Amino acid sequence: GQLESVEFVGLCTDICVISNALLTKAEMPELPI
């Protein structure tokens, strides 16, 4: 209960940013990302 949302920034959008955002979304589909 210690995480209300996650925001991603950085490099490279098309490789590592998207990979981490989608891994997070897959694990926590109801978390605002």
All heavy atoms as atom14 arrays in JSON, in Angstrom:
{
  "sequence": "GQLESVEFVGLCTDICVISNALLTKAEMPELPI",
  "atom14_mask": [
    [1, 1, 1, 1, 0, 0, 0, 0, 0, 0, 0, 0, 0, 0],
    [1, 1, 1, 1, 1, 1, 1, 1, 1, 0, 0, 0, 0, 0],
    [1, 1, 1, 1, 1, 1, 1, 1, 0, 0, 0, 0, 0, 0],
    [1, 1, 1, 1, 1, 1, 1, 1, 1, 0, 0, 0, 0, 0],
    [1, 1, 1, 1, 1, 1, 0, 0, 0, 0, 0, 0, 0, 0],
    [1, 1, 1, 1, 1, 1, 1, 0, 0, 0, 0, 0, 0, 0],
    [1, 1, 1, 1, 1, 1, 1, 1, 1, 0, 0, 0, 0, 0],
    [1, 1, 1, 1, 1, 1, 1, 1, 1, 1, 1, 0, 0, 0],
    [1, 1, 1, 1, 1, 1, 1, 0, 0, 0, 0, 0, 0, 0],
    [1, 1, 1, 1, 0, 0, 0, 0, 0, 0, 0, 0, 0, 0],
    [1, 1, 1, 1, 1, 1, 1, 1, 0, 0, 0, 0, 0, 0],
    [1, 1, 1, 1, 1, 1, 0, 0, 0, 0, 0, 0, 0, 0],
    [1, 1, 1, 1, 1, 1, 1, 0, 0, 0, 0, 0, 0, 0],
    [1, 1, 1, 1, 1, 1, 1, 1, 0, 0, 0, 0, 0, 0],
    [1, 1, 1, 1, 1, 1, 1, 1, 0, 0, 0, 0, 0, 0],
    [1, 1, 1, 1, 1, 1, 0, 0, 0, 0, 0, 0, 0, 0],
    [1, 1, 1, 1, 1, 1, 1, 0, 0, 0, 0, 0, 0, 0],
    [1, 1, 1, 1, 1, 1, 1, 1, 0, 0, 0, 0, 0, 0],
    [1, 1, 1, 1, 1, 1, 0, 0, 0, 0, 0, 0, 0, 0],
    [1, 1, 1, 1, 1, 1, 1, 1, 0, 0, 0, 0, 0, 0],
    [1, 1, 1, 1, 1, 0, 0, 0, 0, 0, 0, 0, 0, 0],
    [1, 1, 1, 1, 1, 1, 1, 1, 0, 0, 0, 0, 0, 0],
    [1, 1, 1, 1, 1, 1, 1, 1, 0, 0, 0, 0, 0, 0],
    [1, 1, 1, 1, 1, 1, 1, 0, 0, 0, 0, 0, 0, 0],
    [1, 1, 1, 1, 1, 1, 1, 1, 1, 0, 0, 0, 0, 0],
    [1, 1, 1, 1, 1, 0, 0, 0, 0, 0, 0, 0, 0, 0],
    [1, 1, 1, 1, 1, 1, 1, 1, 1, 0, 0, 0, 0, 0],
    [1, 1, 1, 1, 1, 1, 1, 1, 0, 0, 0, 0, 0, 0],
    [1, 1, 1, 1, 1, 1, 1, 0, 0, 0, 0, 0, 0, 0],
    [1, 1, 1, 1, 1, 1, 1, 1, 1, 0, 0, 0, 0, 0],
    [1, 1, 1, 1, 1, 1, 1, 1, 0, 0, 0, 0, 0, 0],
    [1, 1, 1, 1, 1, 1, 1, 0, 0, 0, 0, 0, 0, 0],
    [1, 1, 1, 1, 1, 1, 1, 1, 0, 0, 0, 0, 0, 0]
  ],
  "atom14_positions": [
    [[0.8, -1.22, 0.0], [0.0, 0.0, 0.0], [0.83, 1.27, 0.0], [0.35, 2.34, 0.37], [0.0, 0.0, 0.0], [0.0, 0.0, 0.0], [0.0, 0.0, 0.0], [0.0, 0.0, 0.0], [0.0, 0.0, 0.0], [0.0, 0.0, 0.0], [0.0, 0.0, 0.0], [0.0, 0.0, 0.0], [0.0, 0.0, 0.0], [0.0, 0.0, 0.0]],
    [[2.1, 1.17, -0.45], [3.01, 2.3, -0.42], [3.26, 2.91, -1.8], [4.16, 3.73, -1.95], [4.35, 1.87, 0.17], [4.25, 1.34, 1.57], [5.54, 0.67, 2.03], [6.4, 0.31, 1.25], [5.65, 0.49, 3.34], [0.0, 0.0, 0.0], [0.0, 0.0, 0.0], [0.0, 0.0, 0.0], [0.0, 0.0, 0.0], [0.0, 0.0, 0.0]],
    [[2.49, 2.5, -2.79], [2.73, 2.98, -4.16], [1.41, 3.4, -4.77], [0.53, 2.56, -4.98], [3.38, 1.85, -4.98], [3.85, 2.19, -6.37], [4.92, 3.3, -6.36], [4.41, 0.95, -7.06], [0.0, 0.0, 0.0], [0.0, 0.0, 0.0], [0.0, 0.0, 0.0], [0.0, 0.0, 0.0], [0.0, 0.0, 0.0], [0.0, 0.0, 0.0]],
    [[1.26, 4.69, -5.05], [0.02, 5.17, -5.65], [0.11, 5.34, -7.16], [-0.88, 5.25, -7.86], [-0.45, 6.46, -4.97], [0.12, 7.74, -5.49], [-0.35, 8.96, -4.74], [-0.06, 9.07, -3.54], [-1.0, 9.82, -5.36], [0.0, 0.0, 0.0], [0.0, 0.0, 0.0], [0.0, 0.0, 0.0], [0.0, 0.0, 0.0], [0.0, 0.0, 0.0]],
    [[1.33, 5.58, -7.68], [1.54, 5.67, -9.12], [3.03, 5.59, -9.42], [3.87, 5.81, -8.55], [0.97, 6.97, -9.7], [1.7, 8.1, -9.21], [0.0, 0.0, 0.0], [0.0, 0.0, 0.0], [0.0, 0.0, 0.0], [0.0, 0.0, 0.0], [0.0, 0.0, 0.0], [0.0, 0.0, 0.0], [0.0, 0.0, 0.0], [0.0, 0.0, 0.0]],
    [[3.35, 5.28, -10.67], [4.73, 5.24, -11.16], [4.79, 6.05, -12.44], [3.91, 5.94, -13.3], [5.22, 3.8, -11.44], [6.61, 3.8, -12.03], [5.19, 2.96, -10.18], [0.0, 0.0, 0.0], [0.0, 0.0, 0.0], [0.0, 0.0, 0.0], [0.0, 0.0, 0.0], [0.0, 0.0, 0.0], [0.0, 0.0, 0.0], [0.0, 0.0, 0.0]],
    [[5.84, 6.85, -12.55], [6.08, 7.62, -13.77], [7.47, 7.27, -14.29], [8.43, 7.2, -13.51], [5.99, 9.11, -13.47], [6.17, 9.98, -14.68], [5.93, 11.46, -14.4], [5.35, 11.79, -13.34], [6.33, 12.28, -15.23], [0.0, 0.0, 0.0], [0.0, 0.0, 0.0], [0.0, 0.0, 0.0], [0.0, 0.0, 0.0], [0.0, 0.0, 0.0]],
    [[7.57, 7.05, -15.59], [8.83, 6.7, -16.23], [9.34, 7.86, -17.07], [8.58, 8.5, -17.78], [8.65, 5.47, -17.12], [8.44, 4.2, -16.35], [7.17, 3.77, -16.01], [9.54, 3.44, -15.94], [6.98, 2.61, -15.28], [9.35, 2.28, -15.21], [8.07, 1.86, -14.88], [0.0, 0.0, 0.0], [0.0, 0.0, 0.0], [0.0, 0.0, 0.0]],
    [[10.65, 8.08, -16.97], [11.36, 9.05, -17.8], [12.72, 8.44, -18.15], [13.16, 7.49, -17.5], [11.56, 10.4, -17.06], [10.23, 11.08, -16.77], [12.36, 10.23, -15.77], [0.0, 0.0, 0.0], [0.0, 0.0, 0.0], [0.0, 0.0, 0.0], [0.0, 0.0, 0.0], [0.0, 0.0, 0.0], [0.0, 0.0, 0.0], [0.0, 0.0, 0.0]],
    [[13.39, 8.99, -19.15], [14.75, 8.57, -19.43], [14.98, 8.13, -20.85], [14.32, 8.56, -21.79], [0.0, 0.0, 0.0], [0.0, 0.0, 0.0], [0.0, 0.0, 0.0], [0.0, 0.0, 0.0], [0.0, 0.0, 0.0], [0.0, 0.0, 0.0], [0.0, 0.0, 0.0], [0.0, 0.0, 0.0], [0.0, 0.0, 0.0], [0.0, 0.0, 0.0]],
    [[15.93, 7.19, -20.98], [16.44, 6.76, -22.28], [16.48, 5.24, -22.36], [16.66, 4.58, -21.36], [17.87, 7.3, -22.46], [17.98, 8.83, -22.4], [19.45, 9.24, -22.31], [17.29, 9.47, -23.58], [0.0, 0.0, 0.0], [0.0, 0.0, 0.0], [0.0, 0.0, 0.0], [0.0, 0.0, 0.0], [0.0, 0.0, 0.0], [0.0, 0.0, 0.0]],
    [[16.35, 4.73, -23.47], [15.77, 5.21, -24.71], [14.28, 4.85, -24.7], [13.92, 3.73, -24.33], [16.43, 4.56, -25.9], [18.16, 5.05, -26.13], [0.0, 0.0, 0.0], [0.0, 0.0, 0.0], [0.0, 0.0, 0.0], [0.0, 0.0, 0.0], [0.0, 0.0, 0.0], [0.0, 0.0, 0.0], [0.0, 0.0, 0.0], [0.0, 0.0, 0.0]],
    [[13.45, 5.76, -25.14], [12.01, 5.57, -25.09], [11.6, 4.25, -25.73], [10.77, 3.51, -25.19], [11.27, 6.71, -25.83], [11.9, 7.95, -25.57], [9.81, 6.75, -25.46], [0.0, 0.0, 0.0], [0.0, 0.0, 0.0], [0.0, 0.0, 0.0], [0.0, 0.0, 0.0], [0.0, 0.0, 0.0], [0.0, 0.0, 0.0], [0.0, 0.0, 0.0]],
    [[12.18, 3.95, -26.88], [11.77, 2.81, -27.7], [12.43, 1.49, -27.29], [12.13, 0.45, -27.89], [12.05, 3.09, -29.17], [13.46, 3.57, -29.43], [13.9, 4.52, -28.76], [14.13, 2.99, -30.3], [0.0, 0.0, 0.0], [0.0, 0.0, 0.0], [0.0, 0.0, 0.0], [0.0, 0.0, 0.0], [0.0, 0.0, 0.0], [0.0, 0.0, 0.0]],
    [[13.28, 1.52, -26.28], [13.92, 0.27, -25.86], [13.67, 0.06, -24.36], [12.84, -0.75, -23.97], [15.42, 0.25, -26.21], [15.63, 0.44, -27.72], [16.07, -1.05, -25.74], [17.07, 0.61, -28.16], [0.0, 0.0, 0.0], [0.0, 0.0, 0.0], [0.0, 0.0, 0.0], [0.0, 0.0, 0.0], [0.0, 0.0, 0.0], [0.0, 0.0, 0.0]],
    [[14.38, 0.78, -23.54], [14.35, 0.51, -22.09], [13.19, 1.19, -21.37], [12.64, 0.6, -20.43], [15.69, 0.88, -21.46], [17.02, -0.2, -22.06], [0.0, 0.0, 0.0], [0.0, 0.0, 0.0], [0.0, 0.0, 0.0], [0.0, 0.0, 0.0], [0.0, 0.0, 0.0], [0.0, 0.0, 0.0], [0.0, 0.0, 0.0], [0.0, 0.0, 0.0]],
    [[12.79, 2.38, -21.78], [11.65, 3.02, -21.11], [10.38, 2.19, -21.35], [9.69, 1.82, -20.4], [11.46, 4.48, -21.58], [10.18, 5.07, -20.99], [12.67, 5.33, -21.2], [0.0, 0.0, 0.0], [0.0, 0.0, 0.0], [0.0, 0.0, 0.0], [0.0, 0.0, 0.0], [0.0, 0.0, 0.0], [0.0, 0.0, 0.0], [0.0, 0.0, 0.0]],
    [[10.11, 1.86, -22.59], [8.89, 1.09, -22.9], [8.95, -0.3, -22.26], [7.94, -0.78, -21.73], [8.63, 1.01, -24.42], [7.23, 0.47, -24.69], [9.69, 0.23, -25.15], [6.8, 0.55, -26.15], [0.0, 0.0, 0.0], [0.0, 0.0, 0.0], [0.0, 0.0, 0.0], [0.0, 0.0, 0.0], [0.0, 0.0, 0.0], [0.0, 0.0, 0.0]],
    [[10.11, -0.94, -22.27], [10.23, -2.28, -21.67], [9.86, -2.26, -20.2], [9.11, -3.11, -19.72], [11.65, -2.82, -21.85], [11.94, -3.05, -23.2], [0.0, 0.0, 0.0], [0.0, 0.0, 0.0], [0.0, 0.0, 0.0], [0.0, 0.0, 0.0], [0.0, 0.0, 0.0], [0.0, 0.0, 0.0], [0.0, 0.0, 0.0], [0.0, 0.0, 0.0]],
    [[10.38, -1.29, -19.46], [10.09, -1.21, -18.02], [8.67, -0.77, -17.74], [8.04, -1.27, -16.81], [11.13, -0.32, -17.34], [12.45, -1.03, -17.23], [12.6, -1.92, -16.42], [13.39, -0.67, -18.08], [0.0, 0.0, 0.0], [0.0, 0.0, 0.0], [0.0, 0.0, 0.0], [0.0, 0.0, 0.0], [0.0, 0.0, 0.0], [0.0, 0.0, 0.0]],
    [[8.14, 0.13, -18.53], [6.75, 0.56, -18.35], [5.8, -0.62, -18.58], [4.86, -0.83, -17.8], [6.42, 1.72, -19.28], [0.0, 0.0, 0.0], [0.0, 0.0, 0.0], [0.0, 0.0, 0.0], [0.0, 0.0, 0.0], [0.0, 0.0, 0.0], [0.0, 0.0, 0.0], [0.0, 0.0, 0.0], [0.0, 0.0, 0.0], [0.0, 0.0, 0.0]],
    [[6.03, -1.4, -19.62], [5.13, -2.51, -19.93], [5.3, -3.68, -18.96], [4.32, -4.34, -18.62], [5.28, -2.95, -21.38], [4.86, -1.9, -22.41], [5.02, -2.42, -23.83], [3.45, -1.4, -22.17], [0.0, 0.0, 0.0], [0.0, 0.0, 0.0], [0.0, 0.0, 0.0], [0.0, 0.0, 0.0], [0.0, 0.0, 0.0], [0.0, 0.0, 0.0]],
    [[6.53, -3.93, -18.5], [6.71, -4.95, -17.45], [5.93, -4.56, -16.2], [5.28, -5.4, -15.57], [8.18, -5.09, -17.09], [9.05, -5.99, -17.96], [10.53, -5.84, -17.56], [8.62, -7.43, -17.82], [0.0, 0.0, 0.0], [0.0, 0.0, 0.0], [0.0, 0.0, 0.0], [0.0, 0.0, 0.0], [0.0, 0.0, 0.0], [0.0, 0.0, 0.0]],
    [[6.0, -3.29, -15.84], [5.29, -2.8, -14.65], [3.78, -2.91, -14.85], [3.06, -3.35, -13.95], [5.72, -1.35, -14.34], [7.15, -1.33, -14.17], [5.05, -0.83, -13.08], [0.0, 0.0, 0.0], [0.0, 0.0, 0.0], [0.0, 0.0, 0.0], [0.0, 0.0, 0.0], [0.0, 0.0, 0.0], [0.0, 0.0, 0.0], [0.0, 0.0, 0.0]],
    [[3.3, -2.53, -16.02], [1.87, -2.6, -16.33], [1.38, -4.06, -16.28], [0.29, -4.35, -15.76], [1.57, -1.98, -17.7], [0.11, -1.83, -18.02], [-0.52, -0.8, -17.12], [-1.95, -0.53, -17.49], [-2.62, 0.34, -16.51], [0.0, 0.0, 0.0], [0.0, 0.0, 0.0], [0.0, 0.0, 0.0], [0.0, 0.0, 0.0], [0.0, 0.0, 0.0]],
    [[2.19, -4.98, -16.78], [1.81, -6.39, -16.76], [1.7, -6.93, -15.34], [0.82, -7.73, -15.03], [2.81, -7.22, -17.57], [0.0, 0.0, 0.0], [0.0, 0.0, 0.0], [0.0, 0.0, 0.0], [0.0, 0.0, 0.0], [0.0, 0.0, 0.0], [0.0, 0.0, 0.0], [0.0, 0.0, 0.0], [0.0, 0.0, 0.0], [0.0, 0.0, 0.0]],
    [[2.58, -6.49, -14.45], [2.59, -6.98, -13.08], [1.53, -6.3, -12.21], [1.0, -6.91, -11.29], [3.98, -6.76, -12.46], [4.17, -7.37, -11.11], [4.07, -8.89, -11.09], [4.38, -9.55, -12.09], [3.66, -9.42, -10.04], [0.0, 0.0, 0.0], [0.0, 0.0, 0.0], [0.0, 0.0, 0.0], [0.0, 0.0, 0.0], [0.0, 0.0, 0.0]],
    [[1.22, -5.02, -12.52], [0.27, -4.25, -11.7], [-0.69, -3.5, -12.61], [-0.59, -2.28, -12.78], [1.05, -3.27, -10.8], [1.9, -3.98, -9.76], [3.18, -2.93, -9.05], [4.48, -3.1, -10.28], [0.0, 0.0, 0.0], [0.0, 0.0, 0.0], [0.0, 0.0, 0.0], [0.0, 0.0, 0.0], [0.0, 0.0, 0.0], [0.0, 0.0, 0.0]],
    [[-1.64, -4.21, -13.22], [-2.51, -3.58, -14.23], [-3.4, -2.46, -13.69], [-3.82, -1.6, -14.47], [-3.35, -4.75, -14.76], [-3.25, -5.82, -13.73], [-1.94, -5.63, -13.05], [0.0, 0.0, 0.0], [0.0, 0.0, 0.0], [0.0, 0.0, 0.0], [0.0, 0.0, 0.0], [0.0, 0.0, 0.0], [0.0, 0.0, 0.0], [0.0, 0.0, 0.0]],
    [[-3.66, -2.42, -12.4], [-4.51, -1.36, -11.84], [-3.72, -0.16, -11.32], [-4.3, 0.85, -10.94], [-5.39, -1.92, -10.72], [-6.4, -2.96, -11.22], [-7.34, -2.4, -12.28], [-7.82, -1.26, -12.14], [-7.59, -3.12, -13.28], [0.0, 0.0, 0.0], [0.0, 0.0, 0.0], [0.0, 0.0, 0.0], [0.0, 0.0, 0.0], [0.0, 0.0, 0.0]],
    [[-2.42, -0.25, -11.3], [-1.58, 0.86, -10.85], [-1.52, 1.91, -11.95], [-1.21, 1.59, -13.1], [-0.16, 0.36, -10.55], [0.86, 1.42, -10.16], [0.51, 2.03, -8.79], [2.26, 0.82, -10.14], [0.0, 0.0, 0.0], [0.0, 0.0, 0.0], [0.0, 0.0, 0.0], [0.0, 0.0, 0.0], [0.0, 0.0, 0.0], [0.0, 0.0, 0.0]],
    [[-1.79, 3.18, -11.65], [-1.62, 4.23, -12.66], [-0.14, 4.35, -13.04], [0.73, 4.54, -12.17], [-2.11, 5.5, -11.96], [-3.01, 5.01, -10.86], [-2.41, 3.71, -10.42], [0.0, 0.0, 0.0], [0.0, 0.0, 0.0], [0.0, 0.0, 0.0], [0.0, 0.0, 0.0], [0.0, 0.0, 0.0], [0.0, 0.0, 0.0], [0.0, 0.0, 0.0]],
    [[0.12, 4.19, -14.32], [1.49, 4.28, -14.85], [1.53, 5.38, -15.89], [0.68, 5.45, -16.78], [1.93, 2.93, -15.45], [1.9, 1.85, -14.35], [3.31, 3.05, -16.09], [2.19, 0.47, -14.83], [0.0, 0.0, 0.0], [0.0, 0.0, 0.0], [0.0, 0.0, 0.0], [0.0, 0.0, 0.0], [0.0, 0.0, 0.0], [0.0, 0.0, 0.0]]
  ]
}
